[in-house]
Amino acid sequence: MKLGRVIGRVVCEQKIESMEGLKLLLVQPLDDREQKAGVPIAAFDVARAGEGDLVWYESGKEAAQANPNGWFNPLDAAILGVVDQLNREVP
């Protein structure tokens, strides 16, 4: 699982059937110090996240399995949870 921050929304009027009813959000991947780690990605949201939320997400075929419309779909990034608190030791 990966850490990210929701930085926007993705709006699509036309989409494949397996995406019907799914909210798409733009997520900035983060490292363990909450610094940018790569380019933003579009992810479907099953955790009811919102803009500015710190989230954990999955990518690849595992993400597709989180789609409530069925696991056989081309989606490759899913927001699985909103982070309430992040505890870490800082060296």
N, C-alpha and C. Protein backbone atom coordinates (compact mmCIF):
# COMPACT_ATOMS: atom_id res chain seq x y z
N MET A 1 0.83 -1.17 0.00
CA MET A 1 0.00 0.00 0.00
C MET A 1 0.88 1.23 0.00
N LYS A 2 0.30 2.31 -0.50
CA LYS A 2 1.06 3.52 -0.69
C LYS A 2 0.35 4.70 -0.03
N LEU A 3 1.12 5.74 0.27
CA LEU A 3 0.60 6.93 0.91
C LEU A 3 0.47 8.04 -0.12
N GLY A 4 -0.61 8.82 -0.04
CA GLY A 4 -0.81 9.92 -0.98
C GLY A 4 -1.71 10.98 -0.40
N ARG A 5 -1.82 12.10 -1.12
CA ARG A 5 -2.71 13.18 -0.71
C ARG A 5 -3.61 13.51 -1.91
N VAL A 6 -4.91 13.64 -1.63
CA VAL A 6 -5.86 13.99 -2.68
C VAL A 6 -5.68 15.46 -3.01
N ILE A 7 -5.40 15.74 -4.30
CA ILE A 7 -5.15 17.12 -4.72
C ILE A 7 -6.19 17.63 -5.71
N GLY A 8 -7.15 16.80 -6.08
CA GLY A 8 -8.17 17.26 -7.02
C GLY A 8 -9.11 16.14 -7.41
N ARG A 9 -10.01 16.48 -8.32
CA ARG A 9 -11.00 15.53 -8.81
C ARG A 9 -10.80 15.30 -10.29
N VAL A 10 -11.22 14.16 -10.78
CA VAL A 10 -11.20 13.84 -12.20
C VAL A 10 -12.65 13.61 -12.61
N VAL A 11 -13.12 14.37 -13.60
CA VAL A 11 -14.51 14.26 -14.03
C VAL A 11 -14.54 13.69 -15.45
N CYS A 12 -15.29 12.60 -15.63
CA CYS A 12 -15.43 11.95 -16.93
C CYS A 12 -16.91 11.70 -17.19
N GLU A 13 -17.43 12.30 -18.26
CA GLU A 13 -18.83 12.05 -18.60
C GLU A 13 -19.01 10.71 -19.29
N GLN A 14 -18.05 10.32 -20.07
CA GLN A 14 -18.11 9.04 -20.77
C GLN A 14 -17.06 8.11 -20.18
N LYS A 15 -17.51 6.93 -19.79
CA LYS A 15 -16.58 5.96 -19.20
C LYS A 15 -17.12 4.56 -19.40
N ILE A 16 -16.27 3.58 -19.16
CA ILE A 16 -16.71 2.20 -19.32
C ILE A 16 -17.66 1.81 -18.20
N GLU A 17 -18.43 0.78 -18.45
CA GLU A 17 -19.48 0.36 -17.52
C GLU A 17 -18.95 0.06 -16.11
N SER A 18 -17.79 -0.54 -16.00
CA SER A 18 -17.27 -0.90 -14.68
C SER A 18 -16.89 0.31 -13.83
N MET A 19 -16.89 1.51 -14.43
CA MET A 19 -16.57 2.73 -13.69
C MET A 19 -17.82 3.50 -13.27
N GLU A 20 -19.00 3.03 -13.65
CA GLU A 20 -20.23 3.74 -13.31
C GLU A 20 -20.38 3.88 -11.79
N GLY A 21 -20.67 5.08 -11.36
CA GLY A 21 -20.89 5.34 -9.95
C GLY A 21 -19.63 5.53 -9.12
N LEU A 22 -18.46 5.41 -9.73
CA LEU A 22 -17.21 5.57 -8.99
C LEU A 22 -16.73 7.02 -9.04
N LYS A 23 -16.25 7.52 -7.92
CA LYS A 23 -15.66 8.85 -7.85
C LYS A 23 -14.17 8.70 -8.17
N LEU A 24 -13.67 9.56 -9.05
CA LEU A 24 -12.25 9.55 -9.40
C LEU A 24 -11.58 10.77 -8.79
N LEU A 25 -10.46 10.55 -8.14
CA LEU A 25 -9.71 11.62 -7.50
C LEU A 25 -8.28 11.64 -8.01
N LEU A 26 -7.67 12.82 -7.97
CA LEU A 26 -6.27 12.98 -8.34
C LEU A 26 -5.45 12.89 -7.06
N VAL A 27 -4.49 11.97 -7.04
CA VAL A 27 -3.70 11.69 -5.84
C VAL A 27 -2.22 11.96 -6.11
N GLN A 28 -1.62 12.73 -5.21
CA GLN A 28 -0.17 12.96 -5.26
C GLN A 28 0.50 11.91 -4.38
N PRO A 29 1.27 10.99 -4.98
CA PRO A 29 1.99 10.01 -4.16
C PRO A 29 2.98 10.71 -3.22
N LEU A 30 3.13 10.16 -2.01
CA LEU A 30 4.02 10.73 -1.00
C LEU A 30 4.98 9.67 -0.47
N ASP A 31 6.14 10.12 0.01
CA ASP A 31 7.06 9.20 0.68
C ASP A 31 6.71 9.14 2.16
N ASP A 32 7.54 8.46 2.95
CA ASP A 32 7.23 8.30 4.37
C ASP A 32 7.37 9.59 5.18
N ARG A 33 7.88 10.63 4.58
CA ARG A 33 7.97 11.94 5.24
C ARG A 33 6.92 12.91 4.68
N GLU A 34 5.97 12.36 3.93
CA GLU A 34 4.89 13.12 3.32
C GLU A 34 5.38 14.14 2.30
N GLN A 35 6.49 13.83 1.63
CA GLN A 35 7.02 14.65 0.55
C GLN A 35 6.60 14.03 -0.78
N LYS A 36 6.44 14.86 -1.82
CA LYS A 36 6.04 14.36 -3.14
C LYS A 36 6.98 13.26 -3.60
N ALA A 37 6.38 12.21 -4.14
CA ALA A 37 7.16 11.06 -4.61
C ALA A 37 6.59 10.60 -5.95
N GLY A 38 6.85 11.36 -6.99
CA GLY A 38 6.35 10.99 -8.31
C GLY A 38 5.25 11.93 -8.78
N VAL A 39 4.68 11.56 -9.92
CA VAL A 39 3.65 12.38 -10.54
C VAL A 39 2.27 11.98 -10.02
N PRO A 40 1.32 12.92 -10.01
CA PRO A 40 -0.04 12.59 -9.56
C PRO A 40 -0.68 11.51 -10.43
N ILE A 41 -1.57 10.74 -9.81
CA ILE A 41 -2.28 9.67 -10.51
C ILE A 41 -3.78 9.82 -10.27
N ALA A 42 -4.56 9.26 -11.17
CA ALA A 42 -6.01 9.21 -10.99
C ALA A 42 -6.34 7.88 -10.31
N ALA A 43 -7.18 7.93 -9.29
CA ALA A 43 -7.56 6.72 -8.56
C ALA A 43 -9.05 6.75 -8.26
N PHE A 44 -9.69 5.59 -8.33
CA PHE A 44 -11.09 5.55 -7.92
C PHE A 44 -11.13 5.40 -6.41
N ASP A 45 -12.21 5.93 -5.83
CA ASP A 45 -12.29 6.08 -4.37
C ASP A 45 -13.39 5.20 -3.79
N VAL A 46 -13.01 4.28 -2.92
CA VAL A 46 -14.00 3.47 -2.20
C VAL A 46 -14.02 3.84 -0.71
N ALA A 47 -13.25 4.86 -0.33
CA ALA A 47 -13.12 5.24 1.08
C ALA A 47 -13.78 6.58 1.41
N ARG A 48 -14.43 7.18 0.43
CA ARG A 48 -15.09 8.48 0.63
C ARG A 48 -14.10 9.57 1.03
N ALA A 49 -12.98 9.61 0.35
CA ALA A 49 -11.96 10.64 0.60
C ALA A 49 -12.39 11.95 -0.04
N GLY A 50 -11.73 13.01 0.37
CA GLY A 50 -12.00 14.33 -0.20
C GLY A 50 -10.71 15.08 -0.44
N GLU A 51 -10.82 16.20 -1.11
CA GLU A 51 -9.65 16.99 -1.44
C GLU A 51 -8.90 17.39 -0.17
N GLY A 52 -7.58 17.19 -0.17
CA GLY A 52 -6.73 17.51 0.97
C GLY A 52 -6.49 16.34 1.90
N ASP A 53 -7.28 15.27 1.77
CA ASP A 53 -7.13 14.11 2.67
C ASP A 53 -5.84 13.35 2.40
N LEU A 54 -5.24 12.88 3.49
CA LEU A 54 -4.12 11.96 3.42
C LEU A 54 -4.74 10.56 3.28
N VAL A 55 -4.34 9.82 2.27
CA VAL A 55 -4.97 8.52 1.98
C VAL A 55 -3.93 7.44 1.79
N TRP A 56 -4.38 6.19 1.92
CA TRP A 56 -3.55 5.08 1.49
C TRP A 56 -4.27 4.45 0.32
N TYR A 57 -3.46 4.06 -0.68
CA TYR A 57 -4.02 3.54 -1.91
C TYR A 57 -3.20 2.36 -2.39
N GLU A 58 -3.76 1.65 -3.32
CA GLU A 58 -3.08 0.50 -3.92
C GLU A 58 -3.10 0.71 -5.42
N SER A 59 -2.11 0.15 -6.09
CA SER A 59 -2.06 0.24 -7.54
C SER A 59 -1.86 -1.15 -8.12
N GLY A 60 -2.02 -1.25 -9.41
CA GLY A 60 -1.87 -2.53 -10.09
C GLY A 60 -3.13 -3.38 -10.01
N LYS A 61 -2.99 -4.66 -10.29
CA LYS A 61 -4.16 -5.53 -10.36
C LYS A 61 -4.89 -5.63 -9.02
N GLU A 62 -4.19 -5.41 -7.92
CA GLU A 62 -4.84 -5.44 -6.61
C GLU A 62 -5.87 -4.33 -6.48
N ALA A 63 -5.59 -3.17 -7.07
CA ALA A 63 -6.53 -2.05 -7.02
C ALA A 63 -7.83 -2.40 -7.72
N ALA A 64 -7.75 -3.07 -8.84
CA ALA A 64 -8.96 -3.43 -9.59
C ALA A 64 -9.90 -4.29 -8.76
N GLN A 65 -9.37 -5.08 -7.85
CA GLN A 65 -10.19 -5.96 -7.03
C GLN A 65 -11.05 -5.19 -6.04
N ALA A 66 -10.74 -3.93 -5.78
CA ALA A 66 -11.52 -3.12 -4.83
C ALA A 66 -12.76 -2.50 -5.49
N ASN A 67 -12.89 -2.63 -6.80
CA ASN A 67 -14.03 -2.04 -7.50
C ASN A 67 -15.32 -2.77 -7.12
N PRO A 68 -16.29 -2.08 -6.54
CA PRO A 68 -17.54 -2.74 -6.16
C PRO A 68 -18.36 -3.21 -7.36
N ASN A 69 -18.00 -2.77 -8.56
CA ASN A 69 -18.71 -3.18 -9.77
C ASN A 69 -18.14 -4.45 -10.38
N GLY A 70 -17.18 -5.05 -9.72
CA GLY A 70 -16.56 -6.29 -10.23
C GLY A 70 -15.07 -6.13 -10.40
N TRP A 71 -14.34 -7.19 -10.18
CA TRP A 71 -12.88 -7.11 -10.19
C TRP A 71 -12.28 -7.13 -11.59
N PHE A 72 -13.02 -7.55 -12.60
CA PHE A 72 -12.46 -7.61 -13.95
C PHE A 72 -12.66 -6.27 -14.64
N ASN A 73 -11.69 -5.38 -14.49
CA ASN A 73 -11.77 -4.04 -15.05
C ASN A 73 -10.36 -3.50 -15.25
N PRO A 74 -10.20 -2.44 -16.05
CA PRO A 74 -8.86 -1.91 -16.33
C PRO A 74 -8.35 -0.89 -15.33
N LEU A 75 -9.03 -0.69 -14.21
CA LEU A 75 -8.62 0.32 -13.23
C LEU A 75 -7.38 -0.15 -12.47
N ASP A 76 -6.41 0.74 -12.30
CA ASP A 76 -5.17 0.30 -11.65
C ASP A 76 -4.72 1.16 -10.48
N ALA A 77 -5.63 1.96 -9.91
CA ALA A 77 -5.32 2.69 -8.68
C ALA A 77 -6.61 2.91 -7.90
N ALA A 78 -6.60 2.52 -6.62
CA ALA A 78 -7.78 2.63 -5.78
C ALA A 78 -7.42 3.22 -4.43
N ILE A 79 -8.20 4.23 -3.99
CA ILE A 79 -8.05 4.77 -2.64
C ILE A 79 -8.81 3.84 -1.71
N LEU A 80 -8.10 3.25 -0.76
CA LEU A 80 -8.68 2.24 0.12
C LEU A 80 -8.95 2.75 1.52
N GLY A 81 -8.36 3.86 1.91
CA GLY A 81 -8.59 4.37 3.25
C GLY A 81 -8.13 5.81 3.41
N VAL A 82 -8.76 6.51 4.34
CA VAL A 82 -8.36 7.86 4.72
C VAL A 82 -7.55 7.74 6.00
N VAL A 83 -6.37 8.32 6.02
CA VAL A 83 -5.46 8.22 7.16
C VAL A 83 -5.90 9.21 8.24
N ASP A 84 -6.20 8.69 9.43
CA ASP A 84 -6.57 9.54 10.56
C ASP A 84 -5.33 10.07 11.27
N GLN A 85 -4.33 9.22 11.38
CA GLN A 85 -3.12 9.60 12.11
C GLN A 85 -1.96 8.81 11.53
N LEU A 86 -0.80 9.46 11.46
CA LEU A 86 0.39 8.82 10.95
C LEU A 86 1.48 8.93 12.03
N ASN A 87 1.91 7.80 12.58
CA ASN A 87 2.94 7.78 13.61
C ASN A 87 4.21 7.18 13.01
N ARG A 88 5.32 7.84 13.21
CA ARG A 88 6.60 7.34 12.70
C ARG A 88 7.73 7.90 13.55
N GLU A 89 8.81 7.16 13.56
CA GLU A 89 10.02 7.65 14.21
C GLU A 89 10.82 8.40 13.18
N VAL A 90 11.23 9.61 13.50
CA VAL A 90 12.02 10.42 12.59
C VAL A 90 13.47 10.34 13.03
N PRO A 91 14.33 9.77 12.16
CA PRO A 91 15.76 9.65 12.53
C PRO A 91 16.46 10.99 12.58
